[in-house]
Amino acid sequence: RDFADGDTVPVALGGTGAATAAGARTSLGLGSAAVRPALGSTGALYSRDSILGAVSQASGIPSGAIIERGSNAN
């Protein structure tokens, strides 16, 4: 079967059964991460600022970036 632009593809035929992007995300069980901007400040899909940040802590537990640089008071 051919579908025209704007047609809703039913679940039985491999679609989500939704007429909107938000409805499709809901049908697929996707959360807020599915609509998070993917581009870093440099415009790259995955950039240095996505994982590299300053050293920080909250109640003695490291927080912030995956890879931290710098030092803390200890």
N, C-alpha and C. Protein backbone atom coordinates (compact mmCIF):
# COMPACT_ATOMS: atom_id res chain seq x y z
N ARG A 1 0.84 -1.18 0.00
CA ARG A 1 0.00 0.00 0.00
C ARG A 1 0.89 1.24 0.00
N ASP A 2 0.51 2.21 -0.78
CA ASP A 2 1.22 3.49 -0.82
C ASP A 2 0.51 4.48 0.09
N PHE A 3 1.32 5.30 0.74
CA PHE A 3 0.77 6.34 1.60
C PHE A 3 1.19 7.70 1.04
N ALA A 4 0.27 8.62 1.05
CA ALA A 4 0.55 9.98 0.59
C ALA A 4 1.08 10.81 1.76
N ASP A 5 1.71 11.93 1.45
CA ASP A 5 2.16 12.84 2.51
C ASP A 5 0.98 13.20 3.39
N GLY A 6 1.20 13.14 4.69
CA GLY A 6 0.14 13.49 5.64
C GLY A 6 -0.72 12.33 6.07
N ASP A 7 -0.60 11.17 5.39
CA ASP A 7 -1.37 9.99 5.80
C ASP A 7 -0.83 9.44 7.12
N THR A 8 -1.72 8.89 7.92
CA THR A 8 -1.34 8.21 9.15
C THR A 8 -1.13 6.73 8.83
N VAL A 9 0.05 6.21 9.16
CA VAL A 9 0.34 4.80 8.91
C VAL A 9 -0.08 4.01 10.14
N PRO A 10 -1.01 3.07 9.98
CA PRO A 10 -1.49 2.31 11.13
C PRO A 10 -0.41 1.38 11.70
N VAL A 11 -0.56 1.07 12.98
CA VAL A 11 0.39 0.19 13.66
C VAL A 11 0.50 -1.15 12.94
N ALA A 12 -0.62 -1.67 12.48
CA ALA A 12 -0.63 -2.97 11.80
C ALA A 12 0.22 -2.98 10.54
N LEU A 13 0.51 -1.80 10.00
CA LEU A 13 1.33 -1.72 8.79
C LEU A 13 2.70 -1.11 9.07
N GLY A 14 3.11 -1.14 10.34
CA GLY A 14 4.46 -0.68 10.69
C GLY A 14 4.57 0.77 11.12
N GLY A 15 3.46 1.46 11.22
CA GLY A 15 3.49 2.85 11.66
C GLY A 15 3.23 2.98 13.15
N THR A 16 3.00 4.20 13.58
CA THR A 16 2.70 4.44 15.00
C THR A 16 1.22 4.65 15.22
N GLY A 17 0.47 4.86 14.15
CA GLY A 17 -0.94 5.14 14.28
C GLY A 17 -1.23 6.57 14.70
N ALA A 18 -0.20 7.39 14.76
CA ALA A 18 -0.36 8.78 15.20
C ALA A 18 -0.29 9.73 14.01
N ALA A 19 -0.97 10.86 14.16
CA ALA A 19 -0.99 11.85 13.10
C ALA A 19 0.02 12.97 13.32
N THR A 20 0.63 13.01 14.51
CA THR A 20 1.60 14.06 14.81
C THR A 20 2.89 13.45 15.35
N ALA A 21 3.96 14.23 15.33
CA ALA A 21 5.24 13.75 15.87
C ALA A 21 5.11 13.47 17.37
N ALA A 22 4.42 14.34 18.10
CA ALA A 22 4.23 14.13 19.54
C ALA A 22 3.45 12.85 19.79
N GLY A 23 2.43 12.61 18.99
CA GLY A 23 1.64 11.39 19.13
C GLY A 23 2.46 10.14 18.82
N ALA A 24 3.32 10.23 17.83
CA ALA A 24 4.19 9.11 17.47
C ALA A 24 5.16 8.80 18.61
N ARG A 25 5.75 9.85 19.22
CA ARG A 25 6.66 9.62 20.35
C ARG A 25 5.94 8.95 21.50
N THR A 26 4.71 9.37 21.76
CA THR A 26 3.91 8.76 22.82
C THR A 26 3.63 7.30 22.49
N SER A 27 3.23 7.02 21.26
CA SER A 27 2.95 5.63 20.84
C SER A 27 4.16 4.73 20.98
N LEU A 28 5.34 5.30 20.76
CA LEU A 28 6.59 4.54 20.85
C LEU A 28 7.13 4.47 22.28
N GLY A 29 6.48 5.18 23.20
CA GLY A 29 6.92 5.18 24.59
C GLY A 29 8.18 5.99 24.84
N LEU A 30 8.42 6.98 23.99
CA LEU A 30 9.62 7.80 24.13
C LEU A 30 9.37 8.94 25.10
N GLY A 31 10.36 9.24 25.92
CA GLY A 31 10.25 10.31 26.91
C GLY A 31 10.84 11.62 26.41
N SER A 32 11.15 12.49 27.35
CA SER A 32 11.62 13.83 27.02
C SER A 32 12.99 13.83 26.33
N ALA A 33 13.80 12.80 26.53
CA ALA A 33 15.11 12.75 25.87
C ALA A 33 14.97 12.68 24.35
N ALA A 34 13.83 12.21 23.87
CA ALA A 34 13.61 12.09 22.43
C ALA A 34 13.47 13.44 21.75
N VAL A 35 13.21 14.49 22.52
CA VAL A 35 13.05 15.81 21.92
C VAL A 35 14.12 16.79 22.40
N ARG A 36 15.14 16.28 23.06
CA ARG A 36 16.24 17.11 23.53
C ARG A 36 17.10 17.52 22.33
N PRO A 37 17.51 18.79 22.27
CA PRO A 37 18.37 19.22 21.17
C PRO A 37 19.66 18.40 21.13
N ALA A 38 20.03 17.94 19.97
CA ALA A 38 21.22 17.09 19.84
C ALA A 38 22.49 17.88 19.55
N LEU A 39 22.35 19.12 19.12
CA LEU A 39 23.53 19.88 18.72
C LEU A 39 24.16 20.61 19.89
N GLY A 40 25.47 20.54 20.00
CA GLY A 40 26.22 21.28 21.01
C GLY A 40 26.39 22.73 20.58
N SER A 41 27.09 23.51 21.39
CA SER A 41 27.26 24.93 21.09
C SER A 41 28.05 25.16 19.80
N THR A 42 28.83 24.17 19.40
CA THR A 42 29.61 24.30 18.16
C THR A 42 28.81 23.90 16.93
N GLY A 43 27.60 23.40 17.13
CA GLY A 43 26.79 22.95 16.02
C GLY A 43 27.03 21.49 15.65
N ALA A 44 27.95 20.84 16.36
CA ALA A 44 28.23 19.43 16.10
C ALA A 44 27.20 18.56 16.82
N LEU A 45 26.92 17.41 16.27
CA LEU A 45 25.97 16.50 16.90
C LEU A 45 26.44 16.11 18.29
N TYR A 46 27.73 15.84 18.43
CA TYR A 46 28.31 15.50 19.71
C TYR A 46 29.59 16.30 19.83
N SER A 47 29.64 17.21 20.75
CA SER A 47 30.80 18.08 20.84
C SER A 47 31.44 18.01 22.22
N ARG A 48 32.56 18.65 22.34
CA ARG A 48 33.33 18.65 23.58
C ARG A 48 32.48 19.10 24.77
N ASP A 49 31.65 20.12 24.58
CA ASP A 49 30.85 20.62 25.69
C ASP A 49 29.74 19.66 26.11
N SER A 50 29.53 18.61 25.34
CA SER A 50 28.54 17.61 25.73
C SER A 50 29.01 16.76 26.90
N ILE A 51 30.35 16.60 27.04
CA ILE A 51 30.84 15.71 28.09
C ILE A 51 31.91 16.32 28.99
N LEU A 52 32.53 17.43 28.60
CA LEU A 52 33.64 17.99 29.35
C LEU A 52 33.20 19.24 30.09
N GLY A 53 33.47 19.28 31.41
CA GLY A 53 33.05 20.43 32.20
C GLY A 53 33.94 20.66 33.40
N ALA A 54 33.64 21.69 34.15
CA ALA A 54 34.41 22.02 35.35
C ALA A 54 34.09 21.04 36.48
N VAL A 55 35.05 20.88 37.39
CA VAL A 55 34.85 20.02 38.55
C VAL A 55 33.76 20.63 39.43
N SER A 56 32.81 19.81 39.85
CA SER A 56 31.76 20.26 40.75
C SER A 56 31.32 19.11 41.62
N GLN A 57 30.66 19.44 42.73
CA GLN A 57 30.17 18.40 43.64
C GLN A 57 28.93 18.91 44.35
N ALA A 58 28.13 17.97 44.83
CA ALA A 58 26.95 18.28 45.64
C ALA A 58 26.95 17.29 46.80
N SER A 59 27.12 17.78 48.02
CA SER A 59 27.18 16.93 49.22
C SER A 59 28.27 15.88 49.11
N GLY A 60 29.41 16.25 48.52
CA GLY A 60 30.54 15.34 48.41
C GLY A 60 30.48 14.38 47.25
N ILE A 61 29.42 14.44 46.46
CA ILE A 61 29.26 13.53 45.32
C ILE A 61 29.53 14.32 44.03
N PRO A 62 30.43 13.81 43.18
CA PRO A 62 30.73 14.51 41.93
C PRO A 62 29.46 14.72 41.10
N SER A 63 29.34 15.88 40.52
CA SER A 63 28.19 16.17 39.66
C SER A 63 28.66 16.96 38.45
N GLY A 64 27.83 17.06 37.47
CA GLY A 64 28.19 17.82 36.27
C GLY A 64 28.55 16.93 35.11
N ALA A 65 29.63 17.25 34.45
CA ALA A 65 30.02 16.58 33.21
C ALA A 65 30.55 15.17 33.47
N ILE A 66 30.63 14.39 32.41
CA ILE A 66 31.19 13.03 32.48
C ILE A 66 32.68 13.10 32.76
N ILE A 67 33.39 13.96 32.05
CA ILE A 67 34.82 14.17 32.27
C ILE A 67 34.97 15.57 32.84
N GLU A 68 35.56 15.66 34.03
CA GLU A 68 35.70 16.96 34.68
C GLU A 68 37.15 17.39 34.68
N ARG A 69 37.38 18.67 34.65
CA ARG A 69 38.74 19.20 34.69
C ARG A 69 38.82 20.23 35.81
N GLY A 70 40.01 20.40 36.37
CA GLY A 70 40.20 21.35 37.46
C GLY A 70 40.39 20.62 38.77
N SER A 71 40.15 21.32 39.87
CA SER A 71 40.29 20.71 41.20
C SER A 71 39.25 21.30 42.13
N ASN A 72 39.06 20.62 43.26
CA ASN A 72 38.13 21.14 44.26
C ASN A 72 38.91 21.53 45.52
N ALA A 73 38.23 21.91 46.58
CA ALA A 73 38.88 22.38 47.80
C ALA A 73 39.65 21.28 48.52
N ASN A 74 39.40 20.04 48.24
CA ASN A 74 40.09 18.93 48.92
C ASN A 74 41.42 18.73 48.26
